All heavy atoms as atom14 arrays in JSON, in Angstrom:
{
  "sequence": "TNALSLTNFVVGAQHNGGGETYALNDTNKLANGLELRWRAFG",
  "atom14_mask": [
    [1, 1, 1, 1, 1, 1, 1, 0, 0, 0, 0, 0, 0, 0],
    [1, 1, 1, 1, 1, 1, 1, 1, 0, 0, 0, 0, 0, 0],
    [1, 1, 1, 1, 1, 0, 0, 0, 0, 0, 0, 0, 0, 0],
    [1, 1, 1, 1, 1, 1, 1, 1, 0, 0, 0, 0, 0, 0],
    [1, 1, 1, 1, 1, 1, 0, 0, 0, 0, 0, 0, 0, 0],
    [1, 1, 1, 1, 1, 1, 1, 1, 0, 0, 0, 0, 0, 0],
    [1, 1, 1, 1, 1, 1, 1, 0, 0, 0, 0, 0, 0, 0],
    [1, 1, 1, 1, 1, 1, 1, 1, 0, 0, 0, 0, 0, 0],
    [1, 1, 1, 1, 1, 1, 1, 1, 1, 1, 1, 0, 0, 0],
    [1, 1, 1, 1, 1, 1, 1, 0, 0, 0, 0, 0, 0, 0],
    [1, 1, 1, 1, 1, 1, 1, 0, 0, 0, 0, 0, 0, 0],
    [1, 1, 1, 1, 0, 0, 0, 0, 0, 0, 0, 0, 0, 0],
    [1, 1, 1, 1, 1, 0, 0, 0, 0, 0, 0, 0, 0, 0],
    [1, 1, 1, 1, 1, 1, 1, 1, 1, 0, 0, 0, 0, 0],
    [1, 1, 1, 1, 1, 1, 1, 1, 1, 1, 0, 0, 0, 0],
    [1, 1, 1, 1, 1, 1, 1, 1, 0, 0, 0, 0, 0, 0],
    [1, 1, 1, 1, 0, 0, 0, 0, 0, 0, 0, 0, 0, 0],
    [1, 1, 1, 1, 0, 0, 0, 0, 0, 0, 0, 0, 0, 0],
    [1, 1, 1, 1, 0, 0, 0, 0, 0, 0, 0, 0, 0, 0],
    [1, 1, 1, 1, 1, 1, 1, 1, 1, 0, 0, 0, 0, 0],
    [1, 1, 1, 1, 1, 1, 1, 0, 0, 0, 0, 0, 0, 0],
    [1, 1, 1, 1, 1, 1, 1, 1, 1, 1, 1, 1, 0, 0],
    [1, 1, 1, 1, 1, 0, 0, 0, 0, 0, 0, 0, 0, 0],
    [1, 1, 1, 1, 1, 1, 1, 1, 0, 0, 0, 0, 0, 0],
    [1, 1, 1, 1, 1, 1, 1, 1, 0, 0, 0, 0, 0, 0],
    [1, 1, 1, 1, 1, 1, 1, 1, 0, 0, 0, 0, 0, 0],
    [1, 1, 1, 1, 1, 1, 1, 0, 0, 0, 0, 0, 0, 0],
    [1, 1, 1, 1, 1, 1, 1, 1, 0, 0, 0, 0, 0, 0],
    [1, 1, 1, 1, 1, 1, 1, 1, 1, 0, 0, 0, 0, 0],
    [1, 1, 1, 1, 1, 1, 1, 1, 0, 0, 0, 0, 0, 0],
    [1, 1, 1, 1, 1, 0, 0, 0, 0, 0, 0, 0, 0, 0],
    [1, 1, 1, 1, 1, 1, 1, 1, 0, 0, 0, 0, 0, 0],
    [1, 1, 1, 1, 0, 0, 0, 0, 0, 0, 0, 0, 0, 0],
    [1, 1, 1, 1, 1, 1, 1, 1, 0, 0, 0, 0, 0, 0],
    [1, 1, 1, 1, 1, 1, 1, 1, 1, 0, 0, 0, 0, 0],
    [1, 1, 1, 1, 1, 1, 1, 1, 0, 0, 0, 0, 0, 0],
    [1, 1, 1, 1, 1, 1, 1, 1, 1, 1, 1, 0, 0, 0],
    [1, 1, 1, 1, 1, 1, 1, 1, 1, 1, 1, 1, 1, 1],
    [1, 1, 1, 1, 1, 1, 1, 1, 1, 1, 1, 0, 0, 0],
    [1, 1, 1, 1, 1, 0, 0, 0, 0, 0, 0, 0, 0, 0],
    [1, 1, 1, 1, 1, 1, 1, 1, 1, 1, 1, 0, 0, 0],
    [1, 1, 1, 1, 0, 0, 0, 0, 0, 0, 0, 0, 0, 0]
  ],
  "atom14_positions": [
    [[-10.49, 11.42, 5.22], [-11.68, 12.25, 5.33], [-12.08, 12.85, 3.99], [-13.22, 13.25, 3.8], [-11.45, 13.38, 6.34], [-10.3, 14.12, 5.95], [-11.23, 12.82, 7.74], [0.0, 0.0, 0.0], [0.0, 0.0, 0.0], [0.0, 0.0, 0.0], [0.0, 0.0, 0.0], [0.0, 0.0, 0.0], [0.0, 0.0, 0.0], [0.0, 0.0, 0.0]],
    [[-11.13, 12.95, 3.07], [-11.4, 13.46, 1.73], [-10.69, 12.59, 0.7], [-9.95, 11.67, 1.06], [-10.93, 14.92, 1.6], [-11.79, 15.88, 2.4], [-12.99, 15.96, 2.17], [-11.19, 16.57, 3.36], [0.0, 0.0, 0.0], [0.0, 0.0, 0.0], [0.0, 0.0, 0.0], [0.0, 0.0, 0.0], [0.0, 0.0, 0.0], [0.0, 0.0, 0.0]],
    [[-10.94, 12.89, -0.56], [-10.29, 12.12, -1.63], [-8.77, 12.24, -1.51], [-8.23, 13.29, -1.18], [-10.76, 12.62, -2.99], [0.0, 0.0, 0.0], [0.0, 0.0, 0.0], [0.0, 0.0, 0.0], [0.0, 0.0, 0.0], [0.0, 0.0, 0.0], [0.0, 0.0, 0.0], [0.0, 0.0, 0.0], [0.0, 0.0, 0.0], [0.0, 0.0, 0.0]],
    [[-8.08, 11.16, -1.8], [-6.63, 11.13, -1.72], [-6.03, 11.92, -2.88], [-6.26, 11.61, -4.03], [-6.15, 9.68, -1.76], [-4.68, 9.42, -1.49], [-4.34, 9.85, -0.06], [-4.38, 7.95, -1.67], [0.0, 0.0, 0.0], [0.0, 0.0, 0.0], [0.0, 0.0, 0.0], [0.0, 0.0, 0.0], [0.0, 0.0, 0.0], [0.0, 0.0, 0.0]],
    [[-5.26, 12.96, -2.56], [-4.68, 13.82, -3.59], [-3.2, 13.5, -3.77], [-2.32, 14.32, -3.49], [-4.85, 15.3, -3.22], [-6.21, 15.63, -3.14], [0.0, 0.0, 0.0], [0.0, 0.0, 0.0], [0.0, 0.0, 0.0], [0.0, 0.0, 0.0], [0.0, 0.0, 0.0], [0.0, 0.0, 0.0], [0.0, 0.0, 0.0], [0.0, 0.0, 0.0]],
    [[-2.9, 12.3, -4.2], [-1.53, 11.88, -4.44], [-1.38, 11.42, -5.89], [-2.25, 10.74, -6.42], [-1.14, 10.74, -3.51], [-0.85, 11.08, -2.06], [-0.55, 9.81, -1.27], [0.32, 12.03, -1.94], [0.0, 0.0, 0.0], [0.0, 0.0, 0.0], [0.0, 0.0, 0.0], [0.0, 0.0, 0.0], [0.0, 0.0, 0.0], [0.0, 0.0, 0.0]],
    [[-0.29, 11.82, -6.49], [-0.02, 11.37, -7.86], [1.14, 10.39, -7.91], [1.36, 9.76, -8.92], [0.31, 12.58, -8.76], [1.41, 13.3, -8.19], [-0.9, 13.51, -8.86], [0.0, 0.0, 0.0], [0.0, 0.0, 0.0], [0.0, 0.0, 0.0], [0.0, 0.0, 0.0], [0.0, 0.0, 0.0], [0.0, 0.0, 0.0], [0.0, 0.0, 0.0]],
    [[1.89, 10.29, -6.83], [3.0, 9.35, -6.78], [3.09, 8.79, -5.37], [3.58, 9.45, -4.45], [4.31, 10.06, -7.16], [5.5, 9.11, -7.15], [6.37, 9.21, -6.3], [5.53, 8.18, -8.08], [0.0, 0.0, 0.0], [0.0, 0.0, 0.0], [0.0, 0.0, 0.0], [0.0, 0.0, 0.0], [0.0, 0.0, 0.0], [0.0, 0.0, 0.0]],
    [[2.58, 7.58, -5.17], [2.62, 6.96, -3.85], [2.68, 5.45, -4.0], [2.38, 4.88, -5.06], [1.4, 7.36, -3.02], [0.12, 6.66, -3.41], [-0.25, 5.48, -2.81], [-0.68, 7.19, -4.41], [-1.42, 4.82, -3.18], [-1.85, 6.55, -4.79], [-2.22, 5.36, -4.17], [0.0, 0.0, 0.0], [0.0, 0.0, 0.0], [0.0, 0.0, 0.0]],
    [[3.07, 4.79, -2.93], [3.14, 3.33, -2.94], [2.79, 2.81, -1.54], [3.08, 3.45, -0.53], [4.53, 2.83, -3.37], [5.59, 3.2, -2.34], [4.53, 1.32, -3.6], [0.0, 0.0, 0.0], [0.0, 0.0, 0.0], [0.0, 0.0, 0.0], [0.0, 0.0, 0.0], [0.0, 0.0, 0.0], [0.0, 0.0, 0.0], [0.0, 0.0, 0.0]],
    [[2.13, 1.67, -1.51], [1.87, 0.92, -0.28], [2.5, -0.45, -0.46], [2.21, -1.15, -1.44], [0.36, 0.78, -0.02], [0.09, -0.16, 1.14], [-0.27, 2.13, 0.24], [0.0, 0.0, 0.0], [0.0, 0.0, 0.0], [0.0, 0.0, 0.0], [0.0, 0.0, 0.0], [0.0, 0.0, 0.0], [0.0, 0.0, 0.0], [0.0, 0.0, 0.0]],
    [[3.37, -0.84, 0.46], [4.02, -2.14, 0.32], [5.03, -2.38, 1.42], [5.03, -1.71, 2.45], [0.0, 0.0, 0.0], [0.0, 0.0, 0.0], [0.0, 0.0, 0.0], [0.0, 0.0, 0.0], [0.0, 0.0, 0.0], [0.0, 0.0, 0.0], [0.0, 0.0, 0.0], [0.0, 0.0, 0.0], [0.0, 0.0, 0.0], [0.0, 0.0, 0.0]],
    [[5.92, -3.35, 1.18], [6.93, -3.72, 2.17], [8.1, -4.36, 1.44], [7.92, -5.0, 0.39], [6.35, -4.67, 3.22], [0.0, 0.0, 0.0], [0.0, 0.0, 0.0], [0.0, 0.0, 0.0], [0.0, 0.0, 0.0], [0.0, 0.0, 0.0], [0.0, 0.0, 0.0], [0.0, 0.0, 0.0], [0.0, 0.0, 0.0], [0.0, 0.0, 0.0]],
    [[9.28, -4.23, 2.02], [10.49, -4.74, 1.38], [11.46, -5.25, 2.42], [11.66, -4.61, 3.46], [11.14, -3.62, 0.56], [12.45, -3.99, -0.11], [12.9, -2.91, -1.07], [12.2, -2.61, -2.05], [14.05, -2.29, -0.82], [0.0, 0.0, 0.0], [0.0, 0.0, 0.0], [0.0, 0.0, 0.0], [0.0, 0.0, 0.0], [0.0, 0.0, 0.0]],
    [[12.07, -6.4, 2.14], [13.05, -6.98, 3.06], [13.97, -7.93, 2.31], [13.52, -8.73, 1.48], [12.36, -7.73, 4.2], [13.29, -8.52, 5.07], [14.32, -7.94, 5.78], [13.36, -9.85, 5.33], [14.97, -8.88, 6.45], [14.4, -10.04, 6.19], [0.0, 0.0, 0.0], [0.0, 0.0, 0.0], [0.0, 0.0, 0.0], [0.0, 0.0, 0.0]],
    [[15.27, -7.82, 2.61], [16.26, -8.78, 2.13], [16.24, -8.91, 0.6], [16.38, -10.0, 0.06], [16.03, -10.14, 2.79], [17.26, -11.02, 2.73], [18.38, -10.52, 2.67], [17.06, -12.33, 2.76], [0.0, 0.0, 0.0], [0.0, 0.0, 0.0], [0.0, 0.0, 0.0], [0.0, 0.0, 0.0], [0.0, 0.0, 0.0], [0.0, 0.0, 0.0]],
    [[16.06, -7.79, -0.08], [16.1, -7.8, -1.54], [14.8, -8.15, -2.21], [14.69, -8.09, -3.45], [0.0, 0.0, 0.0], [0.0, 0.0, 0.0], [0.0, 0.0, 0.0], [0.0, 0.0, 0.0], [0.0, 0.0, 0.0], [0.0, 0.0, 0.0], [0.0, 0.0, 0.0], [0.0, 0.0, 0.0], [0.0, 0.0, 0.0], [0.0, 0.0, 0.0]],
    [[13.79, -8.57, -1.45], [12.48, -8.89, -2.02], [11.44, -7.9, -1.53], [11.68, -7.15, -0.59], [0.0, 0.0, 0.0], [0.0, 0.0, 0.0], [0.0, 0.0, 0.0], [0.0, 0.0, 0.0], [0.0, 0.0, 0.0], [0.0, 0.0, 0.0], [0.0, 0.0, 0.0], [0.0, 0.0, 0.0], [0.0, 0.0, 0.0], [0.0, 0.0, 0.0]],
    [[10.3, -7.9, -2.16], [9.27, -6.97, -1.73], [7.93, -7.27, -2.35], [7.81, -8.09, -3.26], [0.0, 0.0, 0.0], [0.0, 0.0, 0.0], [0.0, 0.0, 0.0], [0.0, 0.0, 0.0], [0.0, 0.0, 0.0], [0.0, 0.0, 0.0], [0.0, 0.0, 0.0], [0.0, 0.0, 0.0], [0.0, 0.0, 0.0], [0.0, 0.0, 0.0]],
    [[6.92, -6.61, -1.82], [5.56, -6.77, -2.34], [4.88, -5.41, -2.35], [4.99, -4.64, -1.39], [4.76, -7.74, -1.48], [3.35, -7.98, -1.99], [2.6, -9.03, -1.18], [3.19, -9.62, -0.27], [1.41, -9.24, -1.47], [0.0, 0.0, 0.0], [0.0, 0.0, 0.0], [0.0, 0.0, 0.0], [0.0, 0.0, 0.0], [0.0, 0.0, 0.0]],
    [[4.2, -5.11, -3.44], [3.49, -3.84, -3.58], [1.99, -4.09, -3.59], [1.5, -4.88, -4.4], [3.89, -3.13, -4.88], [5.3, -2.9, -4.87], [3.17, -1.81, -5.03], [0.0, 0.0, 0.0], [0.0, 0.0, 0.0], [0.0, 0.0, 0.0], [0.0, 0.0, 0.0], [0.0, 0.0, 0.0], [0.0, 0.0, 0.0], [0.0, 0.0, 0.0]],
    [[1.29, -3.43, -2.68], [-0.16, -3.55, -2.66], [-0.8, -2.54, -3.61], [-1.73, -2.87, -4.34], [-0.71, -3.33, -1.25], [-2.22, -3.26, -1.2], [-2.99, -4.41, -1.3], [-2.87, -2.03, -1.08], [-4.38, -4.33, -1.29], [-4.25, -1.95, -1.06], [-5.0, -3.1, -1.16], [-6.37, -3.01, -1.16], [0.0, 0.0, 0.0], [0.0, 0.0, 0.0]],
    [[-0.31, -1.3, -3.6], [-0.88, -0.27, -4.48], [0.22, 0.68, -4.91], [1.04, 1.1, -4.11], [-1.99, 0.5, -3.75], [0.0, 0.0, 0.0], [0.0, 0.0, 0.0], [0.0, 0.0, 0.0], [0.0, 0.0, 0.0], [0.0, 0.0, 0.0], [0.0, 0.0, 0.0], [0.0, 0.0, 0.0], [0.0, 0.0, 0.0], [0.0, 0.0, 0.0]],
    [[0.23, 1.01, -6.18], [1.16, 1.98, -6.74], [0.34, 2.97, -7.57], [-0.12, 2.65, -8.65], [2.21, 1.3, -7.6], [3.25, 2.23, -8.25], [4.09, 2.92, -7.2], [4.14, 1.45, -9.22], [0.0, 0.0, 0.0], [0.0, 0.0, 0.0], [0.0, 0.0, 0.0], [0.0, 0.0, 0.0], [0.0, 0.0, 0.0], [0.0, 0.0, 0.0]],
    [[0.11, 4.15, -6.97], [-0.65, 5.21, -7.64], [-2.08, 4.78, -8.0], [-2.66, 5.28, -8.96], [0.07, 5.66, -8.92], [1.46, 6.18, -8.62], [1.71, 6.72, -7.55], [2.37, 6.01, -9.56], [0.0, 0.0, 0.0], [0.0, 0.0, 0.0], [0.0, 0.0, 0.0], [0.0, 0.0, 0.0], [0.0, 0.0, 0.0], [0.0, 0.0, 0.0]],
    [[-2.64, 3.85, -7.25], [-4.0, 3.38, -7.51], [-4.88, 3.74, -6.32], [-4.98, 2.99, -5.35], [-4.0, 1.87, -7.75], [-5.36, 1.34, -8.16], [-6.34, 2.12, -8.18], [-5.46, 0.14, -8.48], [0.0, 0.0, 0.0], [0.0, 0.0, 0.0], [0.0, 0.0, 0.0], [0.0, 0.0, 0.0], [0.0, 0.0, 0.0], [0.0, 0.0, 0.0]],
    [[-5.51, 4.91, -6.39], [-6.31, 5.38, -5.26], [-7.54, 4.51, -5.03], [-8.11, 4.52, -3.94], [-6.75, 6.83, -5.49], [-7.45, 6.92, -6.75], [-5.55, 7.76, -5.52], [0.0, 0.0, 0.0], [0.0, 0.0, 0.0], [0.0, 0.0, 0.0], [0.0, 0.0, 0.0], [0.0, 0.0, 0.0], [0.0, 0.0, 0.0], [0.0, 0.0, 0.0]],
    [[-7.98, 3.75, -6.03], [-9.15, 2.9, -5.85], [-8.89, 1.78, -4.83], [-9.84, 1.22, -4.28], [-9.56, 2.28, -7.18], [-10.12, 3.31, -8.14], [-10.72, 4.28, -7.72], [-9.88, 3.11, -9.43], [0.0, 0.0, 0.0], [0.0, 0.0, 0.0], [0.0, 0.0, 0.0], [0.0, 0.0, 0.0], [0.0, 0.0, 0.0], [0.0, 0.0, 0.0]],
    [[-7.63, 1.45, -4.6], [-7.31, 0.39, -3.65], [-7.24, 0.88, -2.21], [-7.21, 0.09, -1.29], [-5.98, -0.27, -4.03], [-6.07, -1.2, -5.22], [-4.81, -2.05, -5.34], [-4.97, -3.12, -6.42], [-3.79, -4.01, -6.46], [0.0, 0.0, 0.0], [0.0, 0.0, 0.0], [0.0, 0.0, 0.0], [0.0, 0.0, 0.0], [0.0, 0.0, 0.0]],
    [[-7.22, 2.2, -2.03], [-7.11, 2.75, -0.68], [-8.44, 3.35, -0.27], [-8.82, 4.43, -0.71], [-6.01, 3.82, -0.64], [-4.6, 3.32, -0.92], [-3.61, 4.46, -0.78], [-4.23, 2.17, -0.01], [0.0, 0.0, 0.0], [0.0, 0.0, 0.0], [0.0, 0.0, 0.0], [0.0, 0.0, 0.0], [0.0, 0.0, 0.0], [0.0, 0.0, 0.0]],
    [[-9.15, 2.64, 0.57], [-10.48, 3.07, 1.0], [-10.46, 3.47, 2.47], [-9.64, 2.98, 3.25], [-11.49, 1.95, 0.79], [0.0, 0.0, 0.0], [0.0, 0.0, 0.0], [0.0, 0.0, 0.0], [0.0, 0.0, 0.0], [0.0, 0.0, 0.0], [0.0, 0.0, 0.0], [0.0, 0.0, 0.0], [0.0, 0.0, 0.0], [0.0, 0.0, 0.0]],
    [[-11.36, 4.35, 2.84], [-11.49, 4.74, 4.23], [-11.85, 3.52, 5.08], [-12.78, 2.79, 4.78], [-12.57, 5.81, 4.37], [-12.64, 6.38, 5.77], [-11.63, 6.72, 6.35], [-13.84, 6.48, 6.31], [0.0, 0.0, 0.0], [0.0, 0.0, 0.0], [0.0, 0.0, 0.0], [0.0, 0.0, 0.0], [0.0, 0.0, 0.0], [0.0, 0.0, 0.0]],
    [[-11.1, 3.29, 6.13], [-11.34, 2.14, 7.0], [-10.64, 0.87, 6.56], [-10.79, -0.17, 7.2], [0.0, 0.0, 0.0], [0.0, 0.0, 0.0], [0.0, 0.0, 0.0], [0.0, 0.0, 0.0], [0.0, 0.0, 0.0], [0.0, 0.0, 0.0], [0.0, 0.0, 0.0], [0.0, 0.0, 0.0], [0.0, 0.0, 0.0], [0.0, 0.0, 0.0]],
    [[-9.84, 0.94, 5.49], [-9.14, -0.25, 5.01], [-8.1, -0.72, 6.03], [-7.41, 0.08, 6.65], [-8.42, 0.09, 3.69], [-7.57, -1.02, 3.07], [-8.45, -2.17, 2.58], [-6.74, -0.47, 1.92], [0.0, 0.0, 0.0], [0.0, 0.0, 0.0], [0.0, 0.0, 0.0], [0.0, 0.0, 0.0], [0.0, 0.0, 0.0], [0.0, 0.0, 0.0]],
    [[-8.0, -2.03, 6.21], [-7.0, -2.63, 7.08], [-6.29, -3.73, 6.31], [-6.93, -4.67, 5.83], [-7.66, -3.19, 8.34], [-6.67, -3.81, 9.31], [-7.32, -4.2, 10.63], [-7.51, -3.32, 11.49], [-7.64, -5.39, 10.8], [0.0, 0.0, 0.0], [0.0, 0.0, 0.0], [0.0, 0.0, 0.0], [0.0, 0.0, 0.0], [0.0, 0.0, 0.0]],
    [[-4.98, -3.61, 6.17], [-4.17, -4.61, 5.46], [-3.36, -5.39, 6.47], [-2.6, -4.81, 7.25], [-3.22, -3.91, 4.48], [-3.84, -3.1, 3.35], [-2.75, -2.39, 2.56], [-4.65, -4.0, 2.43], [0.0, 0.0, 0.0], [0.0, 0.0, 0.0], [0.0, 0.0, 0.0], [0.0, 0.0, 0.0], [0.0, 0.0, 0.0], [0.0, 0.0, 0.0]],
    [[-3.49, -6.72, 6.46], [-2.75, -7.56, 7.39], [-1.64, -8.29, 6.64], [-1.89, -8.96, 5.64], [-3.7, -8.57, 8.06], [-4.7, -7.9, 8.98], [-5.54, -8.91, 9.75], [-6.32, -8.24, 10.77], [-5.92, -8.03, 12.01], [-4.72, -8.45, 12.39], [-6.69, -7.41, 12.88], [0.0, 0.0, 0.0], [0.0, 0.0, 0.0], [0.0, 0.0, 0.0]],
    [[-0.44, -8.14, 7.14], [0.75, -8.72, 6.49], [1.38, -9.74, 7.41], [1.53, -9.52, 8.6], [1.78, -7.63, 6.2], [1.31, -6.51, 5.33], [0.4, -5.53, 5.67], [1.71, -6.22, 3.99], [0.23, -4.65, 4.63], [1.03, -5.05, 3.58], [2.6, -6.82, 3.09], [1.2, -4.49, 2.32], [2.77, -6.25, 1.85], [2.07, -5.11, 1.47]],
    [[1.83, -10.86, 6.83], [2.57, -11.87, 7.58], [4.02, -11.46, 7.74], [4.55, -10.7, 6.94], [2.51, -13.22, 6.85], [1.21, -13.98, 7.03], [1.12, -14.53, 8.44], [-0.07, -15.33, 8.64], [-0.43, -15.86, 9.79], [0.3, -15.66, 10.85], [-1.53, -16.57, 9.9], [0.0, 0.0, 0.0], [0.0, 0.0, 0.0], [0.0, 0.0, 0.0]],
    [[4.67, -12.0, 8.75], [6.08, -11.7, 9.0], [6.93, -12.09, 7.79], [6.61, -13.04, 7.06], [6.57, -12.45, 10.24], [0.0, 0.0, 0.0], [0.0, 0.0, 0.0], [0.0, 0.0, 0.0], [0.0, 0.0, 0.0], [0.0, 0.0, 0.0], [0.0, 0.0, 0.0], [0.0, 0.0, 0.0], [0.0, 0.0, 0.0], [0.0, 0.0, 0.0]],
    [[8.0, -11.33, 7.57], [8.94, -11.67, 6.5], [9.58, -13.03, 6.8], [9.92, -13.33, 7.93], [10.05, -10.63, 6.41], [9.58, -9.29, 5.92], [9.57, -8.2, 6.77], [9.15, -9.13, 4.62], [9.16, -6.96, 6.33], [8.73, -7.9, 4.16], [8.74, -6.8, 5.01], [0.0, 0.0, 0.0], [0.0, 0.0, 0.0], [0.0, 0.0, 0.0]],
    [[9.75, -13.83, 5.77], [10.41, -15.11, 5.94], [10.36, -15.9, 4.65], [9.49, -15.68, 3.8], [0.0, 0.0, 0.0], [0.0, 0.0, 0.0], [0.0, 0.0, 0.0], [0.0, 0.0, 0.0], [0.0, 0.0, 0.0], [0.0, 0.0, 0.0], [0.0, 0.0, 0.0], [0.0, 0.0, 0.0], [0.0, 0.0, 0.0], [0.0, 0.0, 0.0]]
  ]
}
């Protein structure tokens, strides 16, 4: 509803020693109504 007031945050997933980061401290990537679809780990 308002601007994101975070200075240290991450969006991602991790499994079995591997991982993927969608956003790390980048508020431009997080928009109102955003939907991220992730495939199963494998």
